Amino acid sequence: MWRRSALIPARVPQPMSARDQAGVIPFRRKRNAIEICLIRNRGRKKWKIPKGFVDAGETARQAALKEAWEEAGLRGRLVGEAIGSYGYEKWNLELTVAVFLMEVTAAEDEWEESRFRERTWASLDEAMARLRKHPVRDLLADATARLERRRQARCSSVSFRRSR
């Protein structure tokens, strides 16, 4: 009799017409730098981002936030619309992942999938190195450039008034 390992979640896709998934590139600001959160299955080498299926009645934005919580124990807010997408094949299906930037507001020590997933915070360079063969890598580079432009715009919009 076949048994599922305790380390493998019981989430196998149900037959559906859409093969849409949503994911997040979670980030936080620390000491004027941006750190990216990556996850992986315990005992595995390959790092990735939180992502999963968009369930019936759910938007891609809702699914992205849900997956950040379930897979990484992260809460946050999405920054704008999806920054892009990537495709991959699994279970003999062509899957498409819409990717959002998520600014992390809370990170729990224990979460729904913490028994079989781990997370790490990395600088942009570290994250790019860990994702060197992952299709989200190009989106990560673009995302970081967007965040840097936003940071610079905020800094330059501060005006100083002379006292009279």
N, C-alpha and C. Protein backbone atom coordinates (compact mmCIF):
# COMPACT_ATOMS: atom_id res chain seq x y z
N MET A 1 0.84 -1.18 0.00
CA MET A 1 0.00 0.00 0.00
C MET A 1 0.89 1.24 0.00
N TRP A 2 0.55 2.22 -0.85
CA TRP A 2 1.32 3.45 -0.96
C TRP A 2 0.95 4.38 0.19
N ARG A 3 1.98 4.97 0.83
CA ARG A 3 1.73 5.94 1.90
C ARG A 3 2.46 7.23 1.58
N ARG A 4 1.79 8.32 1.88
CA ARG A 4 2.38 9.63 1.67
C ARG A 4 3.34 9.93 2.81
N SER A 5 4.49 10.46 2.48
CA SER A 5 5.46 10.85 3.49
C SER A 5 4.90 12.01 4.31
N ALA A 6 5.27 12.06 5.57
CA ALA A 6 4.82 13.16 6.44
C ALA A 6 5.41 14.49 5.98
N LEU A 7 6.45 14.44 5.18
CA LEU A 7 7.08 15.68 4.72
C LEU A 7 6.44 16.23 3.46
N ILE A 8 5.55 15.50 2.83
CA ILE A 8 4.94 15.95 1.58
C ILE A 8 3.50 16.37 1.87
N PRO A 9 3.15 17.61 1.54
CA PRO A 9 1.78 18.06 1.79
C PRO A 9 0.78 17.28 0.95
N ALA A 10 -0.43 17.20 1.44
CA ALA A 10 -1.48 16.44 0.77
C ALA A 10 -2.16 17.25 -0.31
N ARG A 11 -1.49 18.21 -0.90
CA ARG A 11 -2.11 19.07 -1.89
C ARG A 11 -1.73 18.62 -3.29
N VAL A 12 -2.56 17.80 -3.88
CA VAL A 12 -2.40 17.39 -5.27
C VAL A 12 -3.54 18.05 -6.01
N PRO A 13 -3.28 18.67 -7.14
CA PRO A 13 -4.32 19.45 -7.80
C PRO A 13 -5.52 18.60 -8.22
N GLN A 14 -6.68 19.17 -8.02
CA GLN A 14 -7.91 18.55 -8.50
C GLN A 14 -8.06 18.90 -9.97
N PRO A 15 -8.76 18.07 -10.73
CA PRO A 15 -8.97 18.41 -12.14
C PRO A 15 -9.66 19.76 -12.26
N MET A 16 -9.11 20.64 -13.05
CA MET A 16 -9.70 21.95 -13.27
C MET A 16 -9.28 22.44 -14.63
N SER A 17 -10.03 23.39 -15.14
CA SER A 17 -9.71 23.87 -16.47
C SER A 17 -8.53 24.84 -16.43
N ALA A 18 -8.47 25.67 -15.40
CA ALA A 18 -7.37 26.63 -15.31
C ALA A 18 -6.20 26.01 -14.56
N ARG A 19 -5.03 26.34 -14.98
CA ARG A 19 -3.82 25.85 -14.32
C ARG A 19 -3.07 27.03 -13.72
N ASP A 20 -3.82 27.94 -13.15
CA ASP A 20 -3.23 29.17 -12.65
C ASP A 20 -2.73 29.01 -11.22
N GLN A 21 -1.58 29.60 -10.98
CA GLN A 21 -1.02 29.65 -9.65
C GLN A 21 -0.63 31.09 -9.36
N ALA A 22 -0.43 31.38 -8.09
CA ALA A 22 0.02 32.71 -7.68
C ALA A 22 1.11 32.54 -6.63
N GLY A 23 2.06 33.45 -6.67
CA GLY A 23 3.16 33.39 -5.71
C GLY A 23 3.62 34.78 -5.34
N VAL A 24 4.48 34.83 -4.33
CA VAL A 24 5.00 36.11 -3.88
C VAL A 24 6.51 36.07 -3.79
N ILE A 25 7.09 37.23 -4.03
CA ILE A 25 8.48 37.47 -3.66
C ILE A 25 8.39 38.30 -2.39
N PRO A 26 8.55 37.64 -1.22
CA PRO A 26 8.43 38.36 0.04
C PRO A 26 9.71 39.15 0.32
N PHE A 27 9.54 40.39 0.78
CA PHE A 27 10.72 41.20 1.09
C PHE A 27 10.48 41.99 2.36
N ARG A 28 11.58 42.39 2.96
CA ARG A 28 11.54 43.30 4.11
C ARG A 28 12.71 44.26 3.98
N ARG A 29 12.56 45.38 4.64
CA ARG A 29 13.64 46.37 4.66
C ARG A 29 14.36 46.21 6.00
N LYS A 30 15.68 46.10 5.92
CA LYS A 30 16.46 45.94 7.14
C LYS A 30 17.75 46.74 6.98
N ARG A 31 17.93 47.73 7.85
CA ARG A 31 19.12 48.59 7.80
C ARG A 31 19.35 49.17 6.40
N ASN A 32 18.34 49.76 5.84
CA ASN A 32 18.41 50.39 4.50
C ASN A 32 18.73 49.41 3.38
N ALA A 33 18.53 48.14 3.62
CA ALA A 33 18.73 47.13 2.58
C ALA A 33 17.45 46.32 2.46
N ILE A 34 17.30 45.68 1.32
CA ILE A 34 16.15 44.81 1.10
C ILE A 34 16.59 43.37 1.23
N GLU A 35 15.83 42.59 2.01
CA GLU A 35 16.08 41.16 2.12
C GLU A 35 14.90 40.41 1.51
N ILE A 36 15.20 39.30 0.88
CA ILE A 36 14.21 38.47 0.22
C ILE A 36 14.05 37.18 1.03
N CYS A 37 12.82 36.73 1.19
CA CYS A 37 12.58 35.46 1.89
C CYS A 37 12.40 34.35 0.86
N LEU A 38 13.14 33.28 1.05
CA LEU A 38 13.02 32.09 0.20
C LEU A 38 12.64 30.91 1.08
N ILE A 39 12.01 29.92 0.46
CA ILE A 39 11.61 28.71 1.20
C ILE A 39 12.14 27.48 0.47
N ARG A 40 12.17 26.38 1.21
CA ARG A 40 12.47 25.08 0.60
C ARG A 40 11.90 23.99 1.48
N ASN A 41 11.72 22.83 0.88
CA ASN A 41 11.30 21.67 1.65
C ASN A 41 12.47 21.23 2.50
N ARG A 42 12.21 20.87 3.74
CA ARG A 42 13.29 20.43 4.63
C ARG A 42 14.01 19.24 4.01
N GLY A 43 15.33 19.25 4.10
CA GLY A 43 16.13 18.17 3.55
C GLY A 43 16.42 18.31 2.06
N ARG A 44 15.90 19.34 1.43
CA ARG A 44 16.13 19.57 0.00
C ARG A 44 17.10 20.73 -0.17
N LYS A 45 17.68 20.82 -1.36
CA LYS A 45 18.64 21.89 -1.64
C LYS A 45 18.00 23.08 -2.35
N LYS A 46 16.95 22.83 -3.11
CA LYS A 46 16.40 23.84 -4.02
C LYS A 46 15.53 24.86 -3.28
N TRP A 47 15.91 26.14 -3.40
CA TRP A 47 15.14 27.23 -2.81
C TRP A 47 14.12 27.73 -3.83
N LYS A 48 13.02 28.29 -3.33
CA LYS A 48 11.94 28.79 -4.19
C LYS A 48 11.17 29.87 -3.44
N ILE A 49 10.10 30.34 -4.08
CA ILE A 49 9.22 31.33 -3.46
C ILE A 49 7.92 30.64 -3.08
N PRO A 50 7.17 31.21 -2.12
CA PRO A 50 5.85 30.66 -1.80
C PRO A 50 4.91 30.84 -2.99
N LYS A 51 4.23 29.76 -3.37
CA LYS A 51 3.28 29.81 -4.48
C LYS A 51 2.34 28.62 -4.39
N GLY A 52 1.23 28.73 -5.09
CA GLY A 52 0.28 27.62 -5.12
C GLY A 52 -0.90 27.95 -6.01
N PHE A 53 -1.82 27.01 -6.07
CA PHE A 53 -2.98 27.14 -6.96
C PHE A 53 -3.93 28.24 -6.53
N VAL A 54 -4.53 28.88 -7.52
CA VAL A 54 -5.62 29.82 -7.30
C VAL A 54 -6.88 28.97 -7.24
N ASP A 55 -7.47 28.87 -6.06
CA ASP A 55 -8.64 28.03 -5.88
C ASP A 55 -9.90 28.70 -6.43
N ALA A 56 -10.92 27.91 -6.66
CA ALA A 56 -12.19 28.42 -7.17
C ALA A 56 -12.71 29.51 -6.23
N GLY A 57 -13.17 30.62 -6.81
CA GLY A 57 -13.71 31.72 -6.04
C GLY A 57 -12.66 32.63 -5.42
N GLU A 58 -11.42 32.41 -5.76
CA GLU A 58 -10.31 33.16 -5.17
C GLU A 58 -9.61 33.96 -6.27
N THR A 59 -9.14 35.15 -5.94
CA THR A 59 -8.35 35.91 -6.90
C THR A 59 -6.88 35.51 -6.77
N ALA A 60 -6.10 35.88 -7.76
CA ALA A 60 -4.66 35.59 -7.70
C ALA A 60 -4.03 36.31 -6.51
N ARG A 61 -4.48 37.52 -6.22
CA ARG A 61 -3.96 38.27 -5.07
C ARG A 61 -4.25 37.53 -3.77
N GLN A 62 -5.47 37.05 -3.62
CA GLN A 62 -5.84 36.31 -2.41
C GLN A 62 -5.02 35.03 -2.28
N ALA A 63 -4.86 34.33 -3.39
CA ALA A 63 -4.08 33.08 -3.38
C ALA A 63 -2.62 33.36 -3.01
N ALA A 64 -2.06 34.43 -3.53
CA ALA A 64 -0.66 34.77 -3.23
C ALA A 64 -0.47 35.01 -1.74
N LEU A 65 -1.36 35.78 -1.13
CA LEU A 65 -1.27 36.05 0.31
C LEU A 65 -1.47 34.77 1.12
N LYS A 66 -2.41 33.94 0.68
CA LYS A 66 -2.66 32.67 1.37
C LYS A 66 -1.43 31.78 1.33
N GLU A 67 -0.80 31.67 0.18
CA GLU A 67 0.38 30.81 0.03
C GLU A 67 1.56 31.32 0.85
N ALA A 68 1.71 32.65 0.94
CA ALA A 68 2.78 33.22 1.77
C ALA A 68 2.60 32.78 3.22
N TRP A 69 1.36 32.77 3.68
CA TRP A 69 1.08 32.35 5.05
C TRP A 69 1.29 30.84 5.21
N GLU A 70 0.67 30.05 4.34
CA GLU A 70 0.72 28.59 4.48
C GLU A 70 2.13 28.04 4.33
N GLU A 71 2.87 28.51 3.34
CA GLU A 71 4.17 27.92 3.03
C GLU A 71 5.34 28.57 3.77
N ALA A 72 5.18 29.83 4.19
CA ALA A 72 6.32 30.52 4.80
C ALA A 72 6.01 31.17 6.14
N GLY A 73 4.75 31.19 6.56
CA GLY A 73 4.40 31.82 7.83
C GLY A 73 4.53 33.33 7.79
N LEU A 74 4.32 33.91 6.62
CA LEU A 74 4.48 35.35 6.43
C LEU A 74 3.15 36.04 6.19
N ARG A 75 2.99 37.20 6.80
CA ARG A 75 1.86 38.09 6.52
C ARG A 75 2.43 39.37 5.93
N GLY A 76 1.64 39.99 5.08
CA GLY A 76 2.13 41.23 4.50
C GLY A 76 1.12 41.85 3.57
N ARG A 77 1.61 42.82 2.80
CA ARG A 77 0.74 43.50 1.84
C ARG A 77 1.39 43.41 0.47
N LEU A 78 0.55 43.18 -0.52
CA LEU A 78 1.05 43.12 -1.89
C LEU A 78 1.32 44.54 -2.39
N VAL A 79 2.40 44.69 -3.12
CA VAL A 79 2.81 45.99 -3.66
C VAL A 79 2.43 46.01 -5.13
N GLY A 80 1.31 46.66 -5.44
CA GLY A 80 0.88 46.77 -6.83
C GLY A 80 0.33 45.47 -7.40
N GLU A 81 0.29 45.44 -8.71
CA GLU A 81 -0.22 44.28 -9.44
C GLU A 81 0.90 43.25 -9.62
N ALA A 82 0.57 42.13 -10.23
CA ALA A 82 1.59 41.10 -10.50
C ALA A 82 2.72 41.72 -11.31
N ILE A 83 3.95 41.36 -10.96
CA ILE A 83 5.11 41.93 -11.66
C ILE A 83 5.48 41.10 -12.89
N GLY A 84 4.82 39.98 -13.07
CA GLY A 84 5.09 39.11 -14.20
C GLY A 84 4.65 37.70 -13.89
N SER A 85 5.02 36.79 -14.75
CA SER A 85 4.66 35.39 -14.54
C SER A 85 5.73 34.49 -15.14
N TYR A 86 5.69 33.25 -14.74
CA TYR A 86 6.56 32.24 -15.34
C TYR A 86 5.79 30.94 -15.43
N GLY A 87 6.22 30.07 -16.30
CA GLY A 87 5.56 28.79 -16.48
C GLY A 87 6.50 27.64 -16.16
N TYR A 88 5.90 26.52 -15.79
CA TYR A 88 6.67 25.30 -15.57
C TYR A 88 5.74 24.11 -15.72
N GLU A 89 6.32 22.93 -15.78
CA GLU A 89 5.53 21.71 -15.94
C GLU A 89 5.65 20.84 -14.70
N LYS A 90 4.49 20.34 -14.23
CA LYS A 90 4.44 19.44 -13.08
C LYS A 90 3.15 18.64 -13.19
N TRP A 91 3.20 17.41 -12.79
CA TRP A 91 2.04 16.51 -12.86
C TRP A 91 1.49 16.43 -14.29
N ASN A 92 2.36 16.51 -15.28
CA ASN A 92 1.96 16.52 -16.69
C ASN A 92 1.04 17.69 -17.04
N LEU A 93 1.18 18.78 -16.32
CA LEU A 93 0.40 19.98 -16.57
C LEU A 93 1.34 21.14 -16.84
N GLU A 94 0.92 22.04 -17.70
CA GLU A 94 1.62 23.31 -17.89
C GLU A 94 1.01 24.30 -16.91
N LEU A 95 1.80 24.79 -15.99
CA LEU A 95 1.31 25.69 -14.95
C LEU A 95 1.89 27.09 -15.17
N THR A 96 1.09 28.10 -14.86
CA THR A 96 1.52 29.49 -14.97
C THR A 96 1.38 30.15 -13.61
N VAL A 97 2.45 30.79 -13.15
CA VAL A 97 2.48 31.43 -11.83
C VAL A 97 2.53 32.95 -12.00
N ALA A 98 1.50 33.64 -11.51
CA ALA A 98 1.52 35.11 -11.44
C ALA A 98 2.28 35.47 -10.17
N VAL A 99 3.27 36.36 -10.31
CA VAL A 99 4.15 36.68 -9.17
C VAL A 99 3.91 38.12 -8.71
N PHE A 100 3.73 38.26 -7.40
CA PHE A 100 3.51 39.56 -6.76
C PHE A 100 4.66 39.86 -5.82
N LEU A 101 4.93 41.14 -5.61
CA LEU A 101 5.83 41.56 -4.54
C LEU A 101 5.01 41.66 -3.27
N MET A 102 5.55 41.19 -2.16
CA MET A 102 4.85 41.30 -0.89
C MET A 102 5.79 41.86 0.17
N GLU A 103 5.42 43.02 0.71
CA GLU A 103 6.19 43.56 1.83
C GLU A 103 5.72 42.86 3.09
N VAL A 104 6.64 42.22 3.77
CA VAL A 104 6.32 41.41 4.95
C VAL A 104 6.10 42.31 6.15
N THR A 105 4.98 42.08 6.84
CA THR A 105 4.67 42.83 8.06
C THR A 105 4.78 41.95 9.30
N ALA A 106 4.73 40.63 9.14
CA ALA A 106 4.86 39.71 10.27
C ALA A 106 5.38 38.36 9.77
N ALA A 107 6.23 37.75 10.59
CA ALA A 107 6.77 36.42 10.29
C ALA A 107 6.64 35.57 11.55
N GLU A 108 5.86 34.52 11.46
CA GLU A 108 5.63 33.64 12.61
C GLU A 108 6.72 32.58 12.71
N ASP A 109 7.01 32.14 13.93
CA ASP A 109 8.00 31.08 14.15
C ASP A 109 7.44 29.72 13.75
N GLU A 110 6.14 29.53 13.93
CA GLU A 110 5.49 28.28 13.52
C GLU A 110 4.30 28.63 12.65
N TRP A 111 4.10 27.85 11.60
CA TRP A 111 3.00 28.08 10.68
C TRP A 111 2.54 26.74 10.14
N GLU A 112 1.52 26.79 9.31
CA GLU A 112 0.85 25.58 8.83
C GLU A 112 1.81 24.53 8.28
N GLU A 113 2.79 24.92 7.49
CA GLU A 113 3.68 23.95 6.85
C GLU A 113 5.11 23.98 7.41
N SER A 114 5.28 24.53 8.60
CA SER A 114 6.64 24.65 9.16
C SER A 114 7.27 23.30 9.49
N ARG A 115 6.48 22.26 9.61
CA ARG A 115 7.04 20.92 9.88
C ARG A 115 7.89 20.43 8.72
N PHE A 116 7.53 20.81 7.49
CA PHE A 116 8.26 20.29 6.34
C PHE A 116 8.83 21.37 5.42
N ARG A 117 8.73 22.64 5.84
CA ARG A 117 9.35 23.72 5.06
C ARG A 117 10.21 24.58 5.98
N GLU A 118 11.24 25.14 5.39
CA GLU A 118 12.04 26.11 6.12
C GLU A 118 12.15 27.37 5.27
N ARG A 119 12.43 28.47 5.94
CA ARG A 119 12.59 29.73 5.22
C ARG A 119 13.91 30.37 5.63
N THR A 120 14.38 31.24 4.77
CA THR A 120 15.59 32.00 5.05
C THR A 120 15.44 33.40 4.48
N TRP A 121 16.14 34.34 5.08
CA TRP A 121 16.20 35.70 4.55
C TRP A 121 17.56 35.88 3.90
N ALA A 122 17.57 36.49 2.74
CA ALA A 122 18.81 36.62 1.98
C ALA A 122 18.89 38.00 1.33
N SER A 123 20.11 38.46 1.15
CA SER A 123 20.31 39.68 0.37
C SER A 123 19.90 39.38 -1.07
N LEU A 124 19.79 40.41 -1.87
CA LEU A 124 19.44 40.20 -3.28
C LEU A 124 20.46 39.29 -3.95
N ASP A 125 21.74 39.55 -3.74
CA ASP A 125 22.78 38.72 -4.38
C ASP A 125 22.68 37.26 -3.94
N GLU A 126 22.45 37.03 -2.65
CA GLU A 126 22.31 35.66 -2.15
C GLU A 126 21.07 35.00 -2.76
N ALA A 127 19.97 35.75 -2.80
CA ALA A 127 18.73 35.19 -3.37
C ALA A 127 18.92 34.85 -4.84
N MET A 128 19.58 35.73 -5.58
CA MET A 128 19.82 35.46 -7.00
C MET A 128 20.68 34.21 -7.17
N ALA A 129 21.68 34.03 -6.31
CA ALA A 129 22.54 32.84 -6.39
C ALA A 129 21.75 31.58 -6.06
N ARG A 130 20.90 31.64 -5.04
CA ARG A 130 20.13 30.46 -4.64
C ARG A 130 19.06 30.10 -5.66
N LEU A 131 18.63 31.07 -6.44
CA LEU A 131 17.59 30.83 -7.45
C LEU A 131 18.19 30.75 -8.85
N ARG A 132 19.46 30.44 -8.97
CA ARG A 132 20.15 30.53 -10.27
C ARG A 132 19.50 29.72 -11.37
N LYS A 133 18.81 28.63 -11.05
CA LYS A 133 18.15 27.82 -12.08
C LYS A 133 16.63 27.91 -12.00
N HIS A 134 16.12 28.80 -11.17
CA HIS A 134 14.67 28.92 -10.99
C HIS A 134 14.11 29.96 -11.95
N PRO A 135 12.96 29.70 -12.56
CA PRO A 135 12.40 30.66 -13.54
C PRO A 135 11.99 32.01 -12.94
N VAL A 136 11.87 32.11 -11.63
CA VAL A 136 11.48 33.39 -11.02
C VAL A 136 12.67 34.35 -10.89
N ARG A 137 13.86 33.87 -11.18
CA ARG A 137 15.09 34.66 -10.99
C ARG A 137 15.04 36.00 -11.75
N ASP A 138 14.62 35.99 -13.00
CA ASP A 138 14.56 37.24 -13.77
C ASP A 138 13.55 38.21 -13.18
N LEU A 139 12.43 37.69 -12.69
CA LEU A 139 11.43 38.55 -12.06
C LEU A 139 11.98 39.15 -10.77
N LEU A 140 12.79 38.39 -10.06
CA LEU A 140 13.40 38.90 -8.82
C LEU A 140 14.30 40.10 -9.12
N ALA A 141 15.10 40.01 -10.15
CA ALA A 141 15.97 41.13 -10.52
C ALA A 141 15.14 42.36 -10.87
N ASP A 142 14.07 42.16 -11.63
CA ASP A 142 13.18 43.26 -12.01
C ASP A 142 12.49 43.83 -10.78
N ALA A 143 12.04 42.96 -9.88
CA ALA A 143 11.34 43.39 -8.67
C ALA A 143 12.24 44.25 -7.80
N THR A 144 13.46 43.86 -7.66
CA THR A 144 14.39 44.61 -6.83
C THR A 144 14.64 45.99 -7.42
N ALA A 145 14.76 46.07 -8.74
CA ALA A 145 14.94 47.36 -9.39
C ALA A 145 13.72 48.26 -9.13
N ARG A 146 12.53 47.68 -9.18
CA ARG A 146 11.31 48.46 -8.90
C ARG A 146 11.31 48.99 -7.47
N LEU A 147 11.68 48.12 -6.53
CA LEU A 147 11.71 48.54 -5.13
C LEU A 147 12.73 49.66 -4.92
N GLU A 148 13.86 49.56 -5.56
CA GLU A 148 14.89 50.59 -5.43
C GLU A 148 14.39 51.91 -6.01
N ARG A 149 13.70 51.86 -7.16
CA ARG A 149 13.14 53.09 -7.74
C ARG A 149 12.11 53.71 -6.80
N ARG A 150 11.27 52.87 -6.18
CA ARG A 150 10.27 53.38 -5.24
C ARG A 150 10.94 54.04 -4.04
N ARG A 151 12.01 53.41 -3.54
CA ARG A 151 12.72 53.96 -2.39
C ARG A 151 13.32 55.32 -2.75
N GLN A 152 13.94 55.41 -3.92
CA GLN A 152 14.54 56.67 -4.35
C GLN A 152 13.49 57.75 -4.56
N ALA A 153 12.34 57.37 -5.11
CA ALA A 153 11.27 58.34 -5.33
C ALA A 153 10.75 58.88 -4.00
N ARG A 154 10.64 58.00 -3.01
CA ARG A 154 10.19 58.45 -1.69
C ARG A 154 11.20 59.41 -1.08
N CYS A 155 12.47 59.08 -1.21
CA CYS A 155 13.52 59.94 -0.64
C CYS A 155 13.56 61.29 -1.33
N SER A 156 13.39 61.33 -2.65
CA SER A 156 13.47 62.59 -3.38
C SER A 156 12.20 63.42 -3.24
N SER A 157 11.10 62.82 -2.79
CA SER A 157 9.86 63.58 -2.65
C SER A 157 9.81 64.35 -1.33
N VAL A 158 10.76 64.10 -0.45
CA VAL A 158 10.80 64.83 0.81
C VAL A 158 11.30 66.24 0.52
N SER A 159 10.54 67.21 0.95
CA SER A 159 10.96 68.60 0.71
C SER A 159 11.28 69.27 2.04
N PHE A 160 12.19 70.19 1.98
CA PHE A 160 12.57 70.93 3.17
C PHE A 160 12.14 72.37 2.98
N ARG A 161 11.52 72.93 4.01
CA ARG A 161 11.10 74.32 3.95
C ARG A 161 12.03 75.17 4.79
N ARG A 162 12.27 76.36 4.30
CA ARG A 162 13.05 77.30 5.09
C ARG A 162 12.13 77.97 6.10
N SER A 163 12.65 78.16 7.26
CA SER A 163 11.84 78.91 8.23
C SER A 163 11.99 80.39 7.94
N ARG A 164 10.93 81.14 8.12
CA ARG A 164 10.96 82.58 7.82
C ARG A 164 10.99 83.38 9.07
